[in-house]
PDB file of N, CA and C in Angstrom:
ATOM      1  N   UNK A   1     109.275  93.547  86.045  1.00  0.00           N
ATOM      2  CA  UNK A   1     108.263  93.495  86.810  1.00  0.00           C
ATOM      3  C   UNK A   1     107.097  93.229  86.148  1.00  0.00           C
ATOM      4  N   UNK A   2     106.031  92.309  86.431  1.00  0.00           N
ATOM      5  CA  UNK A   2     104.824  92.323  85.841  1.00  0.00           C
ATOM      6  C   UNK A   2     103.848  93.353  86.090  1.00  0.00           C
ATOM      7  N   UNK A   3     102.747  93.229  85.062  1.00  0.00           N
ATOM      8  CA  UNK A   3     101.706  94.178  85.444  1.00  0.00           C
ATOM      9  C   UNK A   3     100.911  93.931  86.784  1.00  0.00           C
ATOM     10  N   UNK A   4     100.763  92.721  87.019  1.00  0.00           N
ATOM     11  CA  UNK A   4      99.855  92.458  88.219  1.00  0.00           C
ATOM     12  C   UNK A   4     100.638  93.212  89.340  1.00  0.00           C
ATOM     13  N   UNK A   5     102.143  93.159  89.537  1.00  0.00           N
ATOM     14  CA  UNK A   5     102.590  93.850  90.616  1.00  0.00           C
ATOM     15  C   UNK A   5     102.029  95.422  91.115  1.00  0.00           C
ATOM     16  N   UNK A   6     101.618  95.900  89.845  1.00  0.00           N
ATOM     17  CA  UNK A   6     101.171  97.297  90.128  1.00  0.00           C
ATOM     18  C   UNK A   6      99.867  97.390  90.551  1.00  0.00           C
ATOM     19  N   UNK A   7      98.999  96.309  90.676  1.00  0.00           N
ATOM     20  CA  UNK A   7      97.740  96.215  91.083  1.00  0.00           C
ATOM     21  C   UNK A   7      97.677  95.708  92.338  1.00  0.00           C
ATOM     22  N   UNK A   8      98.716  95.167  93.028  1.00  0.00           N
ATOM     23  CA  UNK A   8      98.512  94.776  94.368  1.00  0.00           C
ATOM     24  C   UNK A   8      98.998  96.024  95.564  1.00  0.00           C
ATOM     25  N   UNK A   9      97.806  96.118  96.267  1.00  0.00           N
ATOM     26  CA  UNK A   9      98.090  97.209  97.439  1.00  0.00           C
ATOM     27  C   UNK A   9      98.890  96.497  98.521  1.00  0.00           C
ATOM     28  N   UNK A  10      99.963  97.307  98.864  1.00  0.00           N
ATOM     29  CA  UNK A  10     100.758  96.628 100.006  1.00  0.00           C
ATOM     30  C   UNK A  10     100.044  96.719 101.310  1.00  0.00           C
ATOM     31  N   UNK A  11     100.293  95.803 102.088  1.00  0.00           N
ATOM     32  CA  UNK A  11      99.768  95.785 103.401  1.00  0.00           C
ATOM     33  C   UNK A  11     100.965  96.025 104.479  1.00  0.00           C
ATOM     34  N   UNK A  12     100.503  96.684 105.522  1.00  0.00           N
ATOM     35  CA  UNK A  12     101.582  96.882 106.516  1.00  0.00           C
ATOM     36  C   UNK A  12     100.941  96.531 107.930  1.00  0.00           C
ATOM     37  N   UNK A  13     101.911  96.124 108.859  1.00  0.00           N
ATOM     38  CA  UNK A  13     101.703  95.721 110.067  1.00  0.00           C
ATOM     39  C   UNK A  13     102.620  96.449 111.161  1.00  0.00           C
ATOM     40  N   UNK A  14     102.397  96.257 112.411  1.00  0.00           N
ATOM     41  CA  UNK A  14     103.390  96.867 113.435  1.00  0.00           C
ATOM     42  C   UNK A  14     104.185  95.743 114.132  1.00  0.00           C
ATOM     43  N   UNK A  15     105.375  95.820 114.275  1.00  0.00           N
ATOM     44  CA  UNK A  15     106.065  94.723 115.125  1.00  0.00           C
ATOM     45  C   UNK A  15     105.708  94.870 116.723  1.00  0.00           C
ATOM     46  N   UNK A  16     106.439  94.258 117.346  1.00  0.00           N
ATOM     47  CA  UNK A  16     106.130  94.295 118.825  1.00  0.00           C
ATOM     48  C   UNK A  16     106.624  95.651 119.261  1.00  0.00           C
ATOM     49  N   UNK A  17     107.618  96.404 118.774  1.00  0.00           N
ATOM     50  CA  UNK A  17     107.914  97.675 119.289  1.00  0.00           C
ATOM     51  C   UNK A  17     107.388  98.824 118.591  1.00  0.00           C
ATOM     52  N   UNK A  18     106.119  98.627 118.006  1.00  0.00           N
ATOM     53  CA  UNK A  18     105.341  99.754 117.178  1.00  0.00           C
ATOM     54  C   UNK A  18     105.678 100.017 115.957  1.00  0.00           C
ATOM     55  N   UNK A  19     106.787  99.553 115.583  1.00  0.00           N
ATOM     56  CA  UNK A  19     107.476  99.957 114.167  1.00  0.00           C
ATOM     57  C   UNK A  19     106.650  99.451 112.881  1.00  0.00           C
ATOM     58  N   UNK A  20     106.249 100.480 112.094  1.00  0.00           N
ATOM     59  CA  UNK A  20     105.425  99.989 110.872  1.00  0.00           C
ATOM     60  C   UNK A  20     106.381  99.186 109.786  1.00  0.00           C
ATOM     61  N   UNK A  21     105.755  97.777 109.664  1.00  0.00           N
ATOM     62  CA  UNK A  21     106.617  96.944 108.846  1.00  0.00           C
ATOM     63  C   UNK A  21     105.725  96.581 107.496  1.00  0.00           C
ATOM     64  N   UNK A  22     106.207  96.473 106.457  1.00  0.00           N
ATOM     65  CA  UNK A  22     105.556  96.214 105.189  1.00  0.00           C
ATOM     66  C   UNK A  22     105.616  94.708 105.140  1.00  0.00           C
ATOM     67  N   UNK A  23     104.358  93.970 104.874  1.00  0.00           N
ATOM     68  CA  UNK A  23     104.120  92.605 104.626  1.00  0.00           C
ATOM     69  C   UNK A  23     104.741  92.141 103.253  1.00  0.00           C
ATOM     70  N   UNK A  24     105.924  91.652 103.313  1.00  0.00           N
ATOM     71  CA  UNK A  24     106.486  91.393 102.001  1.00  0.00           C
ATOM     72  C   UNK A  24     107.510  90.031 102.263  1.00  0.00           C
ATOM     73  N   UNK A  25     108.018  89.465 101.231  1.00  0.00           N
ATOM     74  CA  UNK A  25     108.830  88.280 101.500  1.00  0.00           C
ATOM     75  C   UNK A  25     110.173  88.642 102.262  1.00  0.00           C
ATOM     76  N   UNK A  26     110.583  89.954 102.032  1.00  0.00           N
ATOM     77  CA  UNK A  26     111.745  90.371 102.832  1.00  0.00           C
ATOM     78  C   UNK A  26     111.618  90.371 104.238  1.00  0.00           C
ATOM     79  N   UNK A  27     110.482  90.710 104.779  1.00  0.00           N
ATOM     80  CA  UNK A  27     110.201  90.695 106.134  1.00  0.00           C
ATOM     81  C   UNK A  27     109.688  89.380 106.739  1.00  0.00           C
ATOM     82  N   UNK A  28     109.629  88.351 105.825  1.00  0.00           N
ATOM     83  CA  UNK A  28     108.869  87.166 106.284  1.00  0.00           C
ATOM     84  C   UNK A  28     109.898  86.228 106.780  1.00  0.00           C
ATOM     85  N   UNK A  29     109.556  85.453 107.809  1.00  0.00           N
ATOM     86  CA  UNK A  29     110.209  84.256 108.386  1.00  0.00           C
ATOM     87  C   UNK A  29     110.423  83.136 107.553  1.00  0.00           C
ATOM     88  N   UNK A  30     109.711  82.943 106.500  1.00  0.00           N
ATOM     89  CA  UNK A  30     109.397  81.845 105.722  1.00  0.00           C
ATOM     90  C   UNK A  30     110.286  81.852 104.514  1.00  0.00           C
ATOM     91  N   UNK A  31     111.320  82.846 104.496  1.00  0.00           N
ATOM     92  CA  UNK A  31     111.947  82.801 103.183  1.00  0.00           C
ATOM     93  C   UNK A  31     113.576  82.371 103.277  1.00  0.00           C
ATOM     94  N   UNK A  32     114.203  81.995 102.304  1.00  0.00           N
ATOM     95  CA  UNK A  32     115.733  81.914 102.256  1.00  0.00           C
ATOM     96  C   UNK A  32     116.200  82.956 101.259  1.00  0.00           C
ATOM     97  N   UNK A  33     117.284  83.193 101.598  1.00  0.00           N
ATOM     98  CA  UNK A  33     118.042  84.306 100.660  1.00  0.00           C
ATOM     99  C   UNK A  33     118.366  83.598  99.303  1.00  0.00           C
ATOM    100  N   UNK A  34     118.119  83.973  98.066  1.00  0.00           N
ATOM    101  CA  UNK A  34     118.384  83.660  97.008  1.00  0.00           C
ATOM    102  C   UNK A  34     119.573  84.415  96.356  1.00  0.00           C
ATOM    103  N   UNK A  35     119.498  85.756  96.213  1.00  0.00           N
ATOM    104  CA  UNK A  35     120.563  86.614  95.798  1.00  0.00           C
ATOM    105  C   UNK A  35     120.789  87.186  97.075  1.00  0.00           C
ATOM    106  N   UNK A  36     122.118  87.204  97.616  1.00  0.00           N
ATOM    107  CA  UNK A  36     122.513  87.858  98.933  1.00  0.00           C
ATOM    108  C   UNK A  36     122.390  89.526  98.720  1.00  0.00           C
ATOM    109  N   UNK A  37     122.484  89.938  97.546  1.00  0.00           N
ATOM    110  CA  UNK A  37     122.390  91.352  97.543  1.00  0.00           C
ATOM    111  C   UNK A  37     121.338  91.731  96.482  1.00  0.00           C
ATOM    112  N   UNK A  38     120.752  90.891  96.093  1.00  0.00           N
ATOM    113  CA  UNK A  38     119.739  90.992  95.004  1.00  0.00           C
ATOM    114  C   UNK A  38     118.256  91.022  95.499  1.00  0.00           C
ATOM    115  N   UNK A  39     117.312  91.062  94.546  1.00  0.00           N
ATOM    116  CA  UNK A  39     115.873  91.245  94.983  1.00  0.00           C
ATOM    117  C   UNK A  39     115.074  89.907  95.113  1.00  0.00           C
ATOM    118  N   UNK A  40     115.863  88.808  94.838  1.00  0.00           N
ATOM    119  CA  UNK A  40     114.943  87.524  94.878  1.00  0.00           C
ATOM    120  C   UNK A  40     115.315  86.800  96.291  1.00  0.00           C
ATOM    121  N   UNK A  41     114.052  86.209  96.738  1.00  0.00           N
ATOM    122  CA  UNK A  41     114.024  85.289  97.861  1.00  0.00           C
ATOM    123  C   UNK A  41     113.438  83.818  97.371  1.00  0.00           C
ATOM    124  N   UNK A  42     113.881  82.678  98.265  1.00  0.00           N
ATOM    125  CA  UNK A  42     113.152  81.441  97.957  1.00  0.00           C
ATOM    126  C   UNK A  42     111.989  81.413  98.916  1.00  0.00           C
ATOM    127  N   UNK A  43     110.892  81.452  98.491  1.00  0.00           N
ATOM    128  CA  UNK A  43     109.651  81.261  99.253  1.00  0.00           C
ATOM    129  C   UNK A  43     109.519  79.801  99.687  1.00  0.00           C
ATOM    130  N   UNK A  44     109.691  79.503 101.110  1.00  0.00           N
ATOM    131  CA  UNK A  44     109.444  78.164 101.352  1.00  0.00           C
ATOM    132  C   UNK A  44     108.155  77.515 101.360  1.00  0.00           C
ATOM    133  N   UNK A  45     106.994  78.248 101.661  1.00  0.00           N
ATOM    134  CA  UNK A  45     105.704  77.850 101.342  1.00  0.00           C
ATOM    135  C   UNK A  45     105.374  77.563  99.790  1.00  0.00           C
ATOM    136  N   UNK A  46     105.766  78.587  98.967  1.00  0.00           N
ATOM    137  CA  UNK A  46     105.504  78.375  97.528  1.00  0.00           C
ATOM    138  C   UNK A  46     106.556  77.442  96.981  1.00  0.00           C
ATOM    139  N   UNK A  47     107.912  77.314  97.368  1.00  0.00           N
ATOM    140  CA  UNK A  47     108.794  76.365  96.882  1.00  0.00           C
ATOM    141  C   UNK A  47     109.278  77.024  95.605  1.00  0.00           C
ATOM    142  N   UNK A  48     109.256  78.268  95.376  1.00  0.00           N
ATOM    143  CA  UNK A  48     109.875  79.015  94.258  1.00  0.00           C
ATOM    144  C   UNK A  48     110.561  80.265  94.463  1.00  0.00           C
ATOM    145  N   UNK A  49     111.245  80.707  93.579  1.00  0.00           N
ATOM    146  CA  UNK A  49     111.846  82.126  93.637  1.00  0.00           C
ATOM    147  C   UNK A  49     110.857  83.142  93.372  1.00  0.00           C
ATOM    148  N   UNK A  50     111.077  84.043  94.283  1.00  0.00           N
ATOM    149  CA  UNK A  50     110.222  85.287  94.247  1.00  0.00           C
ATOM    150  C   UNK A  50     110.944  86.647  94.521  1.00  0.00           C
ATOM    151  N   UNK A  51     110.285  87.780  94.197  1.00  0.00           N
ATOM    152  CA  UNK A  51     110.840  88.902  94.269  1.00  0.00           C
ATOM    153  C   UNK A  51     110.597  89.337  95.871  1.00  0.00           C
ATOM    154  N   UNK A  52     111.632  90.040  96.330  1.00  0.00           N
ATOM    155  CA  UNK A  52     111.423  90.441  97.902  1.00  0.00           C
ATOM    156  C   UNK A  52     110.320  91.355  98.171  1.00  0.00           C
ATOM    157  N   UNK A  53     109.660  91.797  97.289  1.00  0.00           N
ATOM    158  CA  UNK A  53     108.310  92.747  97.512  1.00  0.00           C
ATOM    159  C   UNK A  53     107.065  91.773  97.175  1.00  0.00           C
ATOM    160  N   UNK A  54     107.236  90.559  96.956  1.00  0.00           N
ATOM    161  CA  UNK A  54     106.064  89.739  96.891  1.00  0.00           C
ATOM    162  C   UNK A  54     105.673  89.219  98.263  1.00  0.00           C
ATOM    163  N   UNK A  55     104.325  88.953  98.392  1.00  0.00           N
ATOM    164  CA  UNK A  55     103.901  88.573  99.714  1.00  0.00           C
ATOM    165  C   UNK A  55     102.707  87.502  99.421  1.00  0.00           C
ATOM    166  N   UNK A  56     102.791  86.483 100.281  1.00  0.00           N
ATOM    167  CA  UNK A  56     101.643  85.558 100.117  1.00  0.00           C
ATOM    168  C   UNK A  56     100.938  85.431 101.301  1.00  0.00           C
ATOM    169  N   UNK A  57      99.738  84.610 101.375  1.00  0.00           N
ATOM    170  CA  UNK A  57      98.889  84.544 102.630  1.00  0.00           C
ATOM    171  C   UNK A  57      99.638  83.753 103.714  1.00  0.00           C
ATOM    172  N   UNK A  58     100.825  83.173 103.627  1.00  0.00           N
ATOM    173  CA  UNK A  58     101.436  82.458 104.715  1.00  0.00           C
ATOM    174  C   UNK A  58     102.349  83.326 105.475  1.00  0.00           C
ATOM    175  N   UNK A  59     102.655  84.633 105.195  1.00  0.00           N
ATOM    176  CA  UNK A  59     103.486  85.501 105.743  1.00  0.00           C
ATOM    177  C   UNK A  59     103.424  85.592 107.235  1.00  0.00           C
ATOM    178  N   UNK A  60     104.714  85.593 107.834  1.00  0.00           N
ATOM    179  CA  UNK A  60     105.028  85.414 109.113  1.00  0.00           C
ATOM    180  C   UNK A  60     106.029  86.496 109.479  1.00  0.00           C
ATOM    181  N   UNK A  61     106.085  87.305 110.372  1.00  0.00           N
ATOM    182  CA  UNK A  61     107.013  88.307 110.690  1.00  0.00           C
ATOM    183  C   UNK A  61     108.350  87.750 111.077  1.00  0.00           C
ATOM    184  N   UNK A  62     109.541  88.083 110.637  1.00  0.00           N
ATOM    185  CA  UNK A  62     110.742  87.360 111.021  1.00  0.00           C
ATOM    186  C   UNK A  62     111.161  87.821 112.480  1.00  0.00           C
ATOM    187  N   UNK A  63     111.849  87.014 113.159  1.00  0.00           N
ATOM    188  CA  UNK A  63     112.471  87.642 114.582  1.00  0.00           C
ATOM    189  C   UNK A  63     113.101  88.786 114.212  1.00  0.00           C
ATOM    190  N   UNK A  64     113.984  89.069 113.290  1.00  0.00           N
ATOM    191  CA  UNK A  64     114.961  90.070 113.094  1.00  0.00           C
ATOM    192  C   UNK A  64     114.077  91.190 112.810  1.00  0.00           C
ATOM    193  N   UNK A  65     113.086  91.205 111.942  1.00  0.00           N
ATOM    194  CA  UNK A  65     112.256  92.340 111.835  1.00  0.00           C
ATOM    195  C   UNK A  65     111.281  92.696 113.032  1.00  0.00           C
ATOM    196  N   UNK A  66     110.862  91.691 113.502  1.00  0.00           N
ATOM    197  CA  UNK A  66     110.140  91.826 114.889  1.00  0.00           C
ATOM    198  C   UNK A  66     110.786  92.711 116.017  1.00  0.00           C
ATOM    199  N   UNK A  67     112.166  92.625 116.022  1.00  0.00           N
ATOM    200  CA  UNK A  67     112.949  93.158 116.995  1.00  0.00           C
ATOM    201  C   UNK A  67     113.361  94.704 116.642  1.00  0.00           C
ATOM    202  N   UNK A  68     113.200  95.191 115.391  1.00  0.00           N
ATOM    203  CA  UNK A  68     113.530  96.577 115.045  1.00  0.00           C
ATOM    204  C   UNK A  68     112.868  97.548 115.886  1.00  0.00           C
ATOM    205  N   UNK A  69     113.930  98.417 116.313  1.00  0.00           N
ATOM    206  CA  UNK A  69     113.332  99.369 117.157  1.00  0.00           C
ATOM    207  C   UNK A  69     113.643 100.796 116.561  1.00  0.00           C
ATOM    208  N   UNK A  70     112.724 101.875 116.739  1.00  0.00           N
ATOM    209  CA  UNK A  70     113.182 103.238 116.201  1.00  0.00           C
ATOM    210  C   UNK A  70     114.104 103.941 117.279  1.00  0.00           C
ATOM    211  N   UNK A  71     115.078 104.558 116.705  1.00  0.00           N
ATOM    212  CA  UNK A  71     116.051 105.292 117.898  1.00  0.00           C
ATOM    213  C   UNK A  71     115.367 106.790 117.853  1.00  0.00           C
ATOM    214  N   UNK A  72     115.685 107.167 119.061  1.00  0.00           N
ATOM    215  CA  UNK A  72     114.923 108.345 119.490  1.00  0.00           C
ATOM    216  C   UNK A  72     115.939 109.442 120.077  1.00  0.00           C
TER     217      UNK A  72
END
């Protein structure tokens, strides 16, 4: 992990069901898995391999993440 990762303040949003979601590559619709069980993703807009916790300005919530509900 590089030093600049510590300087980034994470952003959060709510999905359509009111669940708090962290904006990051792992919750974005614009990524492909690179490591199926690891921390890396392929960012389609950047065209490179990134960490699942990275986030760029083109973040869009994925359908899977947008449909998460809290169980009560």
